[in-house]
């Protein structure tokens, strides 16, 4: 059993920066991880993202997991310009489909900073 969201994600998806290890338990189906992610606090989610994907464009987390993770963080912390920008950069790094959403996040960040 893992004590952190990061450990569970690492076991399920791997870690570009650490040696690959075999899955350590049969409860590591993706749906268990997504349940844990869904109810995780923002600090746990950000710790996972920053440890497993420190350069935004790297890491082995699937893009859809990253997008969901940032969405969940922003629902918990909607008024933090730095997080809005971080989420926007993630969206820009993984395809043009979400460019309009990324631009909206940047506008929100700028609006918050302007007061």
PDB file of N, CA and C in Angstrom:
ATOM      1  N   UNK A   1       0.843  -1.181   0.000  1.00  0.00           N
ATOM      2  CA  UNK A   1       0.000   0.000   0.000  1.00  0.00           C
ATOM      3  C   UNK A   1       0.889   1.246   0.000  1.00  0.00           C
ATOM      4  N   UNK A   2       0.458   2.252  -0.697  1.00  0.00           N
ATOM      5  CA  UNK A   2       1.240   3.467  -0.808  1.00  0.00           C
ATOM      6  C   UNK A   2       0.727   4.518   0.153  1.00  0.00           C
ATOM      7  N   UNK A   3       1.643   5.336   0.618  1.00  0.00           N
ATOM      8  CA  UNK A   3       1.243   6.368   1.572  1.00  0.00           C
ATOM      9  C   UNK A   3       0.967   7.706   0.898  1.00  0.00           C
ATOM     10  N   UNK A   4       1.340   7.844  -0.380  1.00  0.00           N
ATOM     11  CA  UNK A   4       1.098   9.119  -1.063  1.00  0.00           C
ATOM     12  C   UNK A   4       0.542   8.888  -2.465  1.00  0.00           C
ATOM     13  N   UNK A   5      -0.090   9.913  -2.963  1.00  0.00           N
ATOM     14  CA  UNK A   5      -0.590   9.894  -4.334  1.00  0.00           C
ATOM     15  C   UNK A   5       0.571   9.720  -5.315  1.00  0.00           C
ATOM     16  N   UNK A   6       1.680  10.370  -5.048  1.00  0.00           N
ATOM     17  CA  UNK A   6       2.867  10.269  -5.910  1.00  0.00           C
ATOM     18  C   UNK A   6       3.353   8.829  -5.999  1.00  0.00           C
ATOM     19  N   UNK A   7       3.410   8.142  -4.868  1.00  0.00           N
ATOM     20  CA  UNK A   7       3.870   6.750  -4.870  1.00  0.00           C
ATOM     21  C   UNK A   7       2.940   5.862  -5.690  1.00  0.00           C
ATOM     22  N   UNK A   8       1.639   6.073  -5.554  1.00  0.00           N
ATOM     23  CA  UNK A   8       0.689   5.261  -6.315  1.00  0.00           C
ATOM     24  C   UNK A   8       0.837   5.550  -7.814  1.00  0.00           C
ATOM     25  N   UNK A   9       0.962   6.824  -8.177  1.00  0.00           N
ATOM     26  CA  UNK A   9       1.137   7.181  -9.585  1.00  0.00           C
ATOM     27  C   UNK A   9       2.426   6.597 -10.139  1.00  0.00           C
ATOM     28  N   UNK A  10       3.477   6.666  -9.361  1.00  0.00           N
ATOM     29  CA  UNK A  10       4.772   6.121  -9.797  1.00  0.00           C
ATOM     30  C   UNK A  10       4.673   4.619 -10.032  1.00  0.00           C
ATOM     31  N   UNK A  11       3.997   3.935  -9.154  1.00  0.00           N
ATOM     32  CA  UNK A  11       3.858   2.484  -9.287  1.00  0.00           C
ATOM     33  C   UNK A  11       3.015   2.133 -10.518  1.00  0.00           C
ATOM     34  N   UNK A  12       1.984   2.915 -10.776  1.00  0.00           N
ATOM     35  CA  UNK A  12       1.079   2.639 -11.887  1.00  0.00           C
ATOM     36  C   UNK A  12       1.651   3.040 -13.244  1.00  0.00           C
ATOM     37  N   UNK A  13       2.234   4.247 -13.329  1.00  0.00           N
ATOM     38  CA  UNK A  13       2.668   4.782 -14.628  1.00  0.00           C
ATOM     39  C   UNK A  13       4.176   4.761 -14.837  1.00  0.00           C
ATOM     40  N   UNK A  14       4.943   4.624 -13.778  1.00  0.00           N
ATOM     41  CA  UNK A  14       6.394   4.668 -13.884  1.00  0.00           C
ATOM     42  C   UNK A  14       6.926   6.055 -13.589  1.00  0.00           C
ATOM     43  N   UNK A  15       8.229   6.165 -13.593  1.00  0.00           N
ATOM     44  CA  UNK A  15       8.890   7.431 -13.289  1.00  0.00           C
ATOM     45  C   UNK A  15      10.096   7.554 -14.200  1.00  0.00           C
ATOM     46  N   UNK A  16      10.100   8.589 -14.991  1.00  0.00           N
ATOM     47  CA  UNK A  16      11.179   8.815 -15.950  1.00  0.00           C
ATOM     48  C   UNK A  16      12.538   8.977 -15.265  1.00  0.00           C
ATOM     49  N   UNK A  17      12.526   9.353 -13.999  1.00  0.00           N
ATOM     50  CA  UNK A  17      13.761   9.688 -13.290  1.00  0.00           C
ATOM     51  C   UNK A  17      14.209   8.632 -12.297  1.00  0.00           C
ATOM     52  N   UNK A  18      13.463   7.579 -12.166  1.00  0.00           N
ATOM     53  CA  UNK A  18      13.832   6.499 -11.251  1.00  0.00           C
ATOM     54  C   UNK A  18      13.723   5.176 -11.992  1.00  0.00           C
ATOM     55  N   UNK A  19      14.454   4.176 -11.522  1.00  0.00           N
ATOM     56  CA  UNK A  19      14.362   2.868 -12.178  1.00  0.00           C
ATOM     57  C   UNK A  19      12.936   2.327 -12.125  1.00  0.00           C
ATOM     58  N   UNK A  20      12.569   1.612 -13.160  1.00  0.00           N
ATOM     59  CA  UNK A  20      11.246   1.009 -13.216  1.00  0.00           C
ATOM     60  C   UNK A  20      11.190  -0.156 -12.242  1.00  0.00           C
ATOM     61  N   UNK A  21      10.099  -0.215 -11.500  1.00  0.00           N
ATOM     62  CA  UNK A  21       9.896  -1.337 -10.595  1.00  0.00           C
ATOM     63  C   UNK A  21       8.562  -1.984 -10.958  1.00  0.00           C
ATOM     64  N   UNK A  22       8.432  -3.259 -10.676  1.00  0.00           N
ATOM     65  CA  UNK A  22       7.170  -3.922 -10.999  1.00  0.00           C
ATOM     66  C   UNK A  22       6.043  -3.395 -10.118  1.00  0.00           C
ATOM     67  N   UNK A  23       4.827  -3.534 -10.611  1.00  0.00           N
ATOM     68  CA  UNK A  23       3.676  -3.155  -9.787  1.00  0.00           C
ATOM     69  C   UNK A  23       3.746  -3.939  -8.493  1.00  0.00           C
ATOM     70  N   UNK A  24       3.478  -3.254  -7.405  1.00  0.00           N
ATOM     71  CA  UNK A  24       3.653  -3.897  -6.112  1.00  0.00           C
ATOM     72  C   UNK A  24       2.361  -4.434  -5.517  1.00  0.00           C
ATOM     73  N   UNK A  25       1.242  -4.257  -6.211  1.00  0.00           N
ATOM     74  CA  UNK A  25      -0.018  -4.731  -5.653  1.00  0.00           C
ATOM     75  C   UNK A  25      -1.052  -4.880  -6.755  1.00  0.00           C
ATOM     76  N   UNK A  26      -2.002  -5.740  -6.520  1.00  0.00           N
ATOM     77  CA  UNK A  26      -3.050  -5.950  -7.521  1.00  0.00           C
ATOM     78  C   UNK A  26      -4.100  -4.844  -7.518  1.00  0.00           C
ATOM     79  N   UNK A  27      -4.090  -3.970  -6.507  1.00  0.00           N
ATOM     80  CA  UNK A  27      -5.088  -2.891  -6.460  1.00  0.00           C
ATOM     81  C   UNK A  27      -4.638  -1.662  -7.238  1.00  0.00           C
ATOM     82  N   UNK A  28      -3.701  -1.852  -8.132  1.00  0.00           N
ATOM     83  CA  UNK A  28      -3.176  -0.722  -8.875  1.00  0.00           C
ATOM     84  C   UNK A  28      -3.827  -0.549 -10.235  1.00  0.00           C
ATOM     85  N   UNK A  29      -5.074  -0.863 -10.306  1.00  0.00           N
ATOM     86  CA  UNK A  29      -5.816  -0.550 -11.514  1.00  0.00           C
ATOM     87  C   UNK A  29      -5.959   0.957 -11.601  1.00  0.00           C
ATOM     88  N   UNK A  30      -6.060   1.437 -12.812  1.00  0.00           N
ATOM     89  CA  UNK A  30      -6.138   2.877 -13.034  1.00  0.00           C
ATOM     90  C   UNK A  30      -7.329   3.510 -12.318  1.00  0.00           C
ATOM     91  N   UNK A  31      -8.439   2.806 -12.249  1.00  0.00           N
ATOM     92  CA  UNK A  31      -9.613   3.417 -11.619  1.00  0.00           C
ATOM     93  C   UNK A  31      -9.394   3.671 -10.131  1.00  0.00           C
ATOM     94  N   UNK A  32      -8.603   2.857  -9.433  1.00  0.00           N
ATOM     95  CA  UNK A  32      -8.307   3.138  -8.027  1.00  0.00           C
ATOM     96  C   UNK A  32      -7.475   4.411  -7.897  1.00  0.00           C
ATOM     97  N   UNK A  33      -6.515   4.563  -8.802  1.00  0.00           N
ATOM     98  CA  UNK A  33      -5.695   5.778  -8.778  1.00  0.00           C
ATOM     99  C   UNK A  33      -6.554   7.014  -9.044  1.00  0.00           C
ATOM    100  N   UNK A  34      -7.446   6.941 -10.028  1.00  0.00           N
ATOM    101  CA  UNK A  34      -8.290   8.085 -10.362  1.00  0.00           C
ATOM    102  C   UNK A  34      -9.223   8.423  -9.205  1.00  0.00           C
ATOM    103  N   UNK A  35      -9.728   7.420  -8.510  1.00  0.00           N
ATOM    104  CA  UNK A  35     -10.530   7.702  -7.314  1.00  0.00           C
ATOM    105  C   UNK A  35      -9.713   8.456  -6.282  1.00  0.00           C
ATOM    106  N   UNK A  36      -8.490   8.023  -6.047  1.00  0.00           N
ATOM    107  CA  UNK A  36      -7.634   8.696  -5.079  1.00  0.00           C
ATOM    108  C   UNK A  36      -7.309  10.118  -5.534  1.00  0.00           C
ATOM    109  N   UNK A  37      -7.003  10.287  -6.812  1.00  0.00           N
ATOM    110  CA  UNK A  37      -6.725  11.607  -7.362  1.00  0.00           C
ATOM    111  C   UNK A  37      -7.927  12.527  -7.204  1.00  0.00           C
ATOM    112  N   UNK A  38      -9.103  12.021  -7.473  1.00  0.00           N
ATOM    113  CA  UNK A  38     -10.324  12.824  -7.425  1.00  0.00           C
ATOM    114  C   UNK A  38     -10.533  13.470  -6.059  1.00  0.00           C
ATOM    115  N   UNK A  39     -10.184  12.781  -5.009  1.00  0.00           N
ATOM    116  CA  UNK A  39     -10.441  13.293  -3.664  1.00  0.00           C
ATOM    117  C   UNK A  39      -9.179  13.761  -2.947  1.00  0.00           C
ATOM    118  N   UNK A  40      -8.068  13.845  -3.667  1.00  0.00           N
ATOM    119  CA  UNK A  40      -6.807  14.306  -3.070  1.00  0.00           C
ATOM    120  C   UNK A  40      -6.829  15.819  -2.874  1.00  0.00           C
ATOM    121  N   UNK A  41      -6.081  16.271  -1.896  1.00  0.00           N
ATOM    122  CA  UNK A  41      -5.957  17.717  -1.688  1.00  0.00           C
ATOM    123  C   UNK A  41      -4.967  18.298  -2.689  1.00  0.00           C
ATOM    124  N   UNK A  42      -5.046  19.592  -2.868  1.00  0.00           N
ATOM    125  CA  UNK A  42      -4.227  20.271  -3.880  1.00  0.00           C
ATOM    126  C   UNK A  42      -2.736  20.049  -3.654  1.00  0.00           C
ATOM    127  N   UNK A  43      -2.289  20.069  -2.410  1.00  0.00           N
ATOM    128  CA  UNK A  43      -0.855  19.882  -2.138  1.00  0.00           C
ATOM    129  C   UNK A  43      -0.371  18.510  -2.597  1.00  0.00           C
ATOM    130  N   UNK A  44      -1.182  17.472  -2.378  1.00  0.00           N
ATOM    131  CA  UNK A  44      -0.797  16.121  -2.801  1.00  0.00           C
ATOM    132  C   UNK A  44      -0.740  16.009  -4.319  1.00  0.00           C
ATOM    133  N   UNK A  45      -1.695  16.629  -4.981  1.00  0.00           N
ATOM    134  CA  UNK A  45      -1.725  16.591  -6.442  1.00  0.00           C
ATOM    135  C   UNK A  45      -0.524  17.340  -7.016  1.00  0.00           C
ATOM    136  N   UNK A  46      -0.255  18.513  -6.485  1.00  0.00           N
ATOM    137  CA  UNK A  46       0.887  19.295  -6.972  1.00  0.00           C
ATOM    138  C   UNK A  46       2.204  18.584  -6.698  1.00  0.00           C
ATOM    139  N   UNK A  47       2.326  17.930  -5.559  1.00  0.00           N
ATOM    140  CA  UNK A  47       3.546  17.172  -5.257  1.00  0.00           C
ATOM    141  C   UNK A  47       3.758  16.079  -6.299  1.00  0.00           C
ATOM    142  N   UNK A  48       2.674  15.384  -6.662  1.00  0.00           N
ATOM    143  CA  UNK A  48       2.774  14.332  -7.679  1.00  0.00           C
ATOM    144  C   UNK A  48       3.211  14.917  -9.018  1.00  0.00           C
ATOM    145  N   UNK A  49       2.546  15.984  -9.453  1.00  0.00           N
ATOM    146  CA  UNK A  49       2.877  16.592 -10.741  1.00  0.00           C
ATOM    147  C   UNK A  49       4.316  17.090 -10.774  1.00  0.00           C
ATOM    148  N   UNK A  50       4.735  17.727  -9.729  1.00  0.00           N
ATOM    149  CA  UNK A  50       6.075  18.334  -9.714  1.00  0.00           C
ATOM    150  C   UNK A  50       7.179  17.303  -9.573  1.00  0.00           C
ATOM    151  N   UNK A  51       6.882  16.185  -8.932  1.00  0.00           N
ATOM    152  CA  UNK A  51       7.903  15.148  -8.818  1.00  0.00           C
ATOM    153  C   UNK A  51       7.983  14.278 -10.070  1.00  0.00           C
ATOM    154  N   UNK A  52       6.832  13.930 -10.631  1.00  0.00           N
ATOM    155  CA  UNK A  52       6.827  13.022 -11.782  1.00  0.00           C
ATOM    156  C   UNK A  52       6.947  13.737 -13.121  1.00  0.00           C
ATOM    157  N   UNK A  53       6.649  15.031 -13.158  1.00  0.00           N
ATOM    158  CA  UNK A  53       6.709  15.814 -14.402  1.00  0.00           C
ATOM    159  C   UNK A  53       7.345  17.176 -14.120  1.00  0.00           C
ATOM    160  N   UNK A  54       8.568  17.207 -13.651  1.00  0.00           N
ATOM    161  CA  UNK A  54       9.154  18.476 -13.209  1.00  0.00           C
ATOM    162  C   UNK A  54       9.381  19.512 -14.311  1.00  0.00           C
ATOM    163  N   UNK A  55       9.466  19.088 -15.549  1.00  0.00           N
ATOM    164  CA  UNK A  55       9.707  20.033 -16.641  1.00  0.00           C
ATOM    165  C   UNK A  55       8.469  20.255 -17.512  1.00  0.00           C
ATOM    166  N   UNK A  56       7.304  19.850 -17.049  1.00  0.00           N
ATOM    167  CA  UNK A  56       6.016  19.956 -17.733  1.00  0.00           C
ATOM    168  C   UNK A  56       5.923  19.027 -18.938  1.00  0.00           C
ATOM    169  N   UNK A  57       6.900  19.039 -19.828  1.00  0.00           N
ATOM    170  CA  UNK A  57       6.817  18.225 -21.044  1.00  0.00           C
ATOM    171  C   UNK A  57       7.394  16.829 -20.849  1.00  0.00           C
ATOM    172  N   UNK A  58       7.868  16.526 -19.668  1.00  0.00           N
ATOM    173  CA  UNK A  58       8.475  15.222 -19.421  1.00  0.00           C
ATOM    174  C   UNK A  58       7.562  14.370 -18.549  1.00  0.00           C
ATOM    175  N   UNK A  59       8.070  13.264 -18.127  1.00  0.00           N
ATOM    176  CA  UNK A  59       7.318  12.390 -17.243  1.00  0.00           C
ATOM    177  C   UNK A  59       6.470  11.389 -17.991  1.00  0.00           C
ATOM    178  N   UNK A  60       6.014  10.389 -17.269  1.00  0.00           N
ATOM    179  CA  UNK A  60       5.268   9.295 -17.871  1.00  0.00           C
ATOM    180  C   UNK A  60       3.778   9.328 -17.559  1.00  0.00           C
ATOM    181  N   UNK A  61       3.331  10.325 -16.809  1.00  0.00           N
ATOM    182  CA  UNK A  61       1.896  10.436 -16.562  1.00  0.00           C
ATOM    183  C   UNK A  61       1.185  10.714 -17.882  1.00  0.00           C
ATOM    184  N   UNK A  62       0.103  10.011 -18.160  1.00  0.00           N
ATOM    185  CA  UNK A  62      -0.647  10.317 -19.381  1.00  0.00           C
ATOM    186  C   UNK A  62      -1.142  11.762 -19.368  1.00  0.00           C
ATOM    187  N   UNK A  63      -1.232  12.351 -20.526  1.00  0.00           N
ATOM    188  CA  UNK A  63      -1.656  13.742 -20.641  1.00  0.00           C
ATOM    189  C   UNK A  63      -3.029  13.944 -20.010  1.00  0.00           C
ATOM    190  N   UNK A  64      -3.938  13.009 -20.212  1.00  0.00           N
ATOM    191  CA  UNK A  64      -5.274  13.188 -19.649  1.00  0.00           C
ATOM    192  C   UNK A  64      -5.240  13.187 -18.122  1.00  0.00           C
ATOM    193  N   UNK A  65      -4.302  12.447 -17.514  1.00  0.00           N
ATOM    194  CA  UNK A  65      -4.164  12.453 -16.056  1.00  0.00           C
ATOM    195  C   UNK A  65      -3.634  13.814 -15.597  1.00  0.00           C
ATOM    196  N   UNK A  66      -2.668  14.361 -16.338  1.00  0.00           N
ATOM    197  CA  UNK A  66      -2.149  15.689 -15.998  1.00  0.00           C
ATOM    198  C   UNK A  66      -3.248  16.745 -16.093  1.00  0.00           C
ATOM    199  N   UNK A  67      -4.007  16.696 -17.169  1.00  0.00           N
ATOM    200  CA  UNK A  67      -5.079  17.677 -17.345  1.00  0.00           C
ATOM    201  C   UNK A  67      -6.097  17.581 -16.217  1.00  0.00           C
ATOM    202  N   UNK A  68      -6.497  16.372 -15.883  1.00  0.00           N
ATOM    203  CA  UNK A  68      -7.436  16.177 -14.783  1.00  0.00           C
ATOM    204  C   UNK A  68      -6.844  16.674 -13.469  1.00  0.00           C
ATOM    205  N   UNK A  69      -5.587  16.360 -13.234  1.00  0.00           N
ATOM    206  CA  UNK A  69      -4.934  16.786 -11.994  1.00  0.00           C
ATOM    207  C   UNK A  69      -4.927  18.308 -11.870  1.00  0.00           C
ATOM    208  N   UNK A  70      -4.549  19.002 -12.943  1.00  0.00           N
ATOM    209  CA  UNK A  70      -4.558  20.470 -12.877  1.00  0.00           C
ATOM    210  C   UNK A  70      -5.972  20.999 -12.699  1.00  0.00           C
ATOM    211  N   UNK A  71      -6.940  20.392 -13.337  1.00  0.00           N
ATOM    212  CA  UNK A  71      -8.330  20.836 -13.176  1.00  0.00           C
ATOM    213  C   UNK A  71      -8.769  20.699 -11.720  1.00  0.00           C
ATOM    214  N   UNK A  72      -8.430  19.594 -11.094  1.00  0.00           N
ATOM    215  CA  UNK A  72      -8.792  19.385  -9.696  1.00  0.00           C
ATOM    216  C   UNK A  72      -8.087  20.369  -8.771  1.00  0.00           C
ATOM    217  N   UNK A  73      -6.833  20.668  -9.066  1.00  0.00           N
ATOM    218  CA  UNK A  73      -6.107  21.665  -8.263  1.00  0.00           C
ATOM    219  C   UNK A  73      -6.776  23.029  -8.397  1.00  0.00           C
ATOM    220  N   UNK A  74      -7.124  23.417  -9.624  1.00  0.00           N
ATOM    221  CA  UNK A  74      -7.725  24.733  -9.834  1.00  0.00           C
ATOM    222  C   UNK A  74      -9.126  24.836  -9.231  1.00  0.00           C
ATOM    223  N   UNK A  75      -9.827  23.737  -9.121  1.00  0.00           N
ATOM    224  CA  UNK A  75     -11.118  23.769  -8.429  1.00  0.00           C
ATOM    225  C   UNK A  75     -10.938  24.045  -6.936  1.00  0.00           C
ATOM    226  N   UNK A  76      -9.824  23.567  -6.394  1.00  0.00           N
ATOM    227  CA  UNK A  76      -9.542  23.778  -4.975  1.00  0.00           C
ATOM    228  C   UNK A  76      -8.885  25.131  -4.706  1.00  0.00           C
ATOM    229  N   UNK A  77      -8.141  25.622  -5.675  1.00  0.00           N
ATOM    230  CA  UNK A  77      -7.428  26.894  -5.527  1.00  0.00           C
ATOM    231  C   UNK A  77      -7.649  27.766  -6.766  1.00  0.00           C
ATOM    232  N   UNK A  78      -8.853  28.272  -6.929  1.00  0.00           N
ATOM    233  CA  UNK A  78      -9.190  28.993  -8.164  1.00  0.00           C
ATOM    234  C   UNK A  78      -8.589  30.388  -8.287  1.00  0.00           C
ATOM    235  N   UNK A  79      -8.069  30.930  -7.222  1.00  0.00           N
ATOM    236  CA  UNK A  79      -7.609  32.319  -7.233  1.00  0.00           C
ATOM    237  C   UNK A  79      -6.109  32.467  -7.073  1.00  0.00           C
ATOM    238  N   UNK A  80      -5.346  31.501  -7.552  1.00  0.00           N
ATOM    239  CA  UNK A  80      -3.891  31.563  -7.460  1.00  0.00           C
ATOM    240  C   UNK A  80      -3.299  31.722  -8.863  1.00  0.00           C
ATOM    241  N   UNK A  81      -2.870  32.931  -9.202  1.00  0.00           N
ATOM    242  CA  UNK A  81      -2.345  33.183 -10.544  1.00  0.00           C
ATOM    243  C   UNK A  81      -1.208  32.250 -10.964  1.00  0.00           C
ATOM    244  N   UNK A  82      -0.312  31.921 -10.051  1.00  0.00           N
ATOM    245  CA  UNK A  82       0.809  31.045 -10.409  1.00  0.00           C
ATOM    246  C   UNK A  82       0.306  29.658 -10.831  1.00  0.00           C
ATOM    247  N   UNK A  83      -0.694  29.148 -10.152  1.00  0.00           N
ATOM    248  CA  UNK A  83      -1.250  27.845 -10.521  1.00  0.00           C
ATOM    249  C   UNK A  83      -2.013  27.910 -11.839  1.00  0.00           C
ATOM    250  N   UNK A  84      -2.713  29.007 -12.059  1.00  0.00           N
ATOM    251  CA  UNK A  84      -3.409  29.185 -13.333  1.00  0.00           C
ATOM    252  C   UNK A  84      -2.409  29.166 -14.484  1.00  0.00           C
ATOM    253  N   UNK A  85      -1.300  29.849 -14.302  1.00  0.00           N
ATOM    254  CA  UNK A  85      -0.260  29.874 -15.346  1.00  0.00           C
ATOM    255  C   UNK A  85       0.382  28.502 -15.536  1.00  0.00           C
ATOM    256  N   UNK A  86       0.640  27.815 -14.439  1.00  0.00           N
ATOM    257  CA  UNK A  86       1.233  26.480 -14.523  1.00  0.00           C
ATOM    258  C   UNK A  86       0.312  25.528 -15.302  1.00  0.00           C
ATOM    259  N   UNK A  87      -0.975  25.574 -15.001  1.00  0.00           N
ATOM    260  CA  UNK A  87      -1.940  24.739 -15.713  1.00  0.00           C
ATOM    261  C   UNK A  87      -1.993  25.119 -17.188  1.00  0.00           C
ATOM    262  N   UNK A  88      -1.947  26.403 -17.479  1.00  0.00           N
ATOM    263  CA  UNK A  88      -1.961  26.858 -18.871  1.00  0.00           C
ATOM    264  C   UNK A  88      -0.745  26.342 -19.627  1.00  0.00           C
ATOM    265  N   UNK A  89       0.423  26.412 -19.020  1.00  0.00           N
ATOM    266  CA  UNK A  89       1.633  25.916 -19.683  1.00  0.00           C
ATOM    267  C   UNK A  89       1.537  24.418 -19.942  1.00  0.00           C
ATOM    268  N   UNK A  90       0.945  23.685 -19.008  1.00  0.00           N
ATOM    269  CA  UNK A  90       0.732  22.260 -19.229  1.00  0.00           C
ATOM    270  C   UNK A  90      -0.152  22.033 -20.454  1.00  0.00           C
ATOM    271  N   UNK A  91      -1.240  22.782 -20.555  1.00  0.00           N
ATOM    272  CA  UNK A  91      -2.140  22.622 -21.702  1.00  0.00           C
ATOM    273  C   UNK A  91      -1.454  22.976 -23.013  1.00  0.00           C
ATOM    274  N   UNK A  92      -0.690  24.047 -23.031  1.00  0.00           N
ATOM    275  CA  UNK A  92       0.016  24.446 -24.248  1.00  0.00           C
ATOM    276  C   UNK A  92       1.057  23.407 -24.663  1.00  0.00           C
ATOM    277  N   UNK A  93       1.636  22.726 -23.692  1.00  0.00           N
ATOM    278  CA  UNK A  93       2.693  21.759 -23.986  1.00  0.00           C
ATOM    279  C   UNK A  93       2.182  20.454 -24.565  1.00  0.00           C
ATOM    280  N   UNK A  94       0.898  20.219 -24.470  1.00  0.00           N
ATOM    281  CA  UNK A  94       0.373  18.913 -24.861  1.00  0.00           C
ATOM    282  C   UNK A  94      -0.716  18.994 -25.917  1.00  0.00           C
ATOM    283  N   UNK A  95      -0.582  19.927 -26.813  1.00  0.00           N
ATOM    284  CA  UNK A  95      -1.472  19.937 -27.960  1.00  0.00           C
ATOM    285  C   UNK A  95      -2.315  21.184 -28.094  1.00  0.00           C
ATOM    286  N   UNK A  96      -2.668  21.497 -29.321  1.00  0.00           N
ATOM    287  CA  UNK A  96      -3.419  22.720 -29.605  1.00  0.00           C
ATOM    288  C   UNK A  96      -4.902  22.639 -29.241  1.00  0.00           C
ATOM    289  N   UNK A  97      -5.389  21.460 -28.932  1.00  0.00           N
ATOM    290  CA  UNK A  97      -6.815  21.303 -28.639  1.00  0.00           C
ATOM    291  C   UNK A  97      -7.280  22.167 -27.476  1.00  0.00           C
ATOM    292  N   UNK A  98      -6.365  22.469 -26.570  1.00  0.00           N
ATOM    293  CA  UNK A  98      -6.742  23.193 -25.360  1.00  0.00           C
ATOM    294  C   UNK A  98      -6.160  24.598 -25.293  1.00  0.00           C
ATOM    295  N   UNK A  99      -5.650  25.095 -26.415  1.00  0.00           N
ATOM    296  CA  UNK A  99      -5.031  26.427 -26.414  1.00  0.00           C
ATOM    297  C   UNK A  99      -5.997  27.514 -25.948  1.00  0.00           C
ATOM    298  N   UNK A 100      -7.252  27.424 -26.350  1.00  0.00           N
ATOM    299  CA  UNK A 100      -8.220  28.447 -25.940  1.00  0.00           C
ATOM    300  C   UNK A 100      -8.479  28.393 -24.431  1.00  0.00           C
ATOM    301  N   UNK A 101      -8.422  27.206 -23.849  1.00  0.00           N
ATOM    302  CA  UNK A 101      -8.582  27.087 -22.397  1.00  0.00           C
ATOM    303  C   UNK A 101      -7.352  27.652 -21.705  1.00  0.00           C
ATOM    304  N   UNK A 102      -6.175  27.348 -22.234  1.00  0.00           N
ATOM    305  CA  UNK A 102      -4.934  27.881 -21.661  1.00  0.00           C
ATOM    306  C   UNK A 102      -4.929  29.405 -21.704  1.00  0.00           C
ATOM    307  N   UNK A 103      -5.361  29.971 -22.818  1.00  0.00           N
ATOM    308  CA  UNK A 103      -5.414  31.431 -22.941  1.00  0.00           C
ATOM    309  C   UNK A 103      -6.386  32.013 -21.912  1.00  0.00           C
ATOM    310  N   UNK A 104      -7.497  31.341 -21.689  1.00  0.00           N
ATOM    311  CA  UNK A 104      -8.450  31.799 -20.681  1.00  0.00           C
ATOM    312  C   UNK A 104      -7.865  31.751 -19.281  1.00  0.00           C
ATOM    313  N   UNK A 105      -7.071  30.727 -18.991  1.00  0.00           N
ATOM    314  CA  UNK A 105      -6.420  30.646 -17.682  1.00  0.00           C
ATOM    315  C   UNK A 105      -5.438  31.797 -17.486  1.00  0.00           C
ATOM    316  N   UNK A 106      -4.701  32.126 -18.534  1.00  0.00           N
ATOM    317  CA  UNK A 106      -3.759  33.251 -18.442  1.00  0.00           C
ATOM    318  C   UNK A 106      -4.520  34.556 -18.217  1.00  0.00           C
ATOM    319  N   UNK A 107      -5.627  34.736 -18.931  1.00  0.00           N
ATOM    320  CA  UNK A 107      -6.439  35.950 -18.718  1.00  0.00           C
ATOM    321  C   UNK A 107      -6.956  36.032 -17.286  1.00  0.00           C
ATOM    322  N   UNK A 108      -7.382  34.891 -16.751  1.00  0.00           N
ATOM    323  CA  UNK A 108      -7.841  34.876 -15.349  1.00  0.00           C
ATOM    324  C   UNK A 108      -6.717  35.259 -14.407  1.00  0.00           C
ATOM    325  N   UNK A 109      -5.519  34.713 -14.641  1.00  0.00           N
ATOM    326  CA  UNK A 109      -4.364  35.038 -13.793  1.00  0.00           C
ATOM    327  C   UNK A 109      -4.056  36.523 -13.853  1.00  0.00           C
ATOM    328  N   UNK A 110      -4.063  37.081 -15.058  1.00  0.00           N
ATOM    329  CA  UNK A 110      -3.789  38.511 -15.215  1.00  0.00           C
ATOM    330  C   UNK A 110      -4.856  39.344 -14.531  1.00  0.00           C
ATOM    331  N   UNK A 111      -6.111  38.926 -14.635  1.00  0.00           N
ATOM    332  CA  UNK A 111      -7.192  39.644 -13.986  1.00  0.00           C
ATOM    333  C   UNK A 111      -7.064  39.613 -12.467  1.00  0.00           C
ATOM    334  N   UNK A 112      -6.669  38.482 -11.923  1.00  0.00           N
ATOM    335  CA  UNK A 112      -6.487  38.382 -10.483  1.00  0.00           C
ATOM    336  C   UNK A 112      -5.344  39.276 -10.012  1.00  0.00           C
ATOM    337  N   UNK A 113      -4.276  39.306 -10.779  1.00  0.00           N
ATOM    338  CA  UNK A 113      -3.130  40.131 -10.395  1.00  0.00           C
ATOM    339  C   UNK A 113      -3.433  41.621 -10.522  1.00  0.00           C
ATOM    340  N   UNK A 114      -4.292  41.976 -11.482  1.00  0.00           N
ATOM    341  CA  UNK A 114      -4.648  43.387 -11.663  1.00  0.00           C
ATOM    342  C   UNK A 114      -5.581  43.860 -10.558  1.00  0.00           C
ATOM    343  N   UNK A 115      -6.221  42.883  -9.929  1.00  0.00           N
ATOM    344  CA  UNK A 115      -7.083  43.228  -8.794  1.00  0.00           C
ATOM    345  C   UNK A 115      -8.432  43.639  -9.212  1.00  0.00           C
TER     346      UNK A 115
END
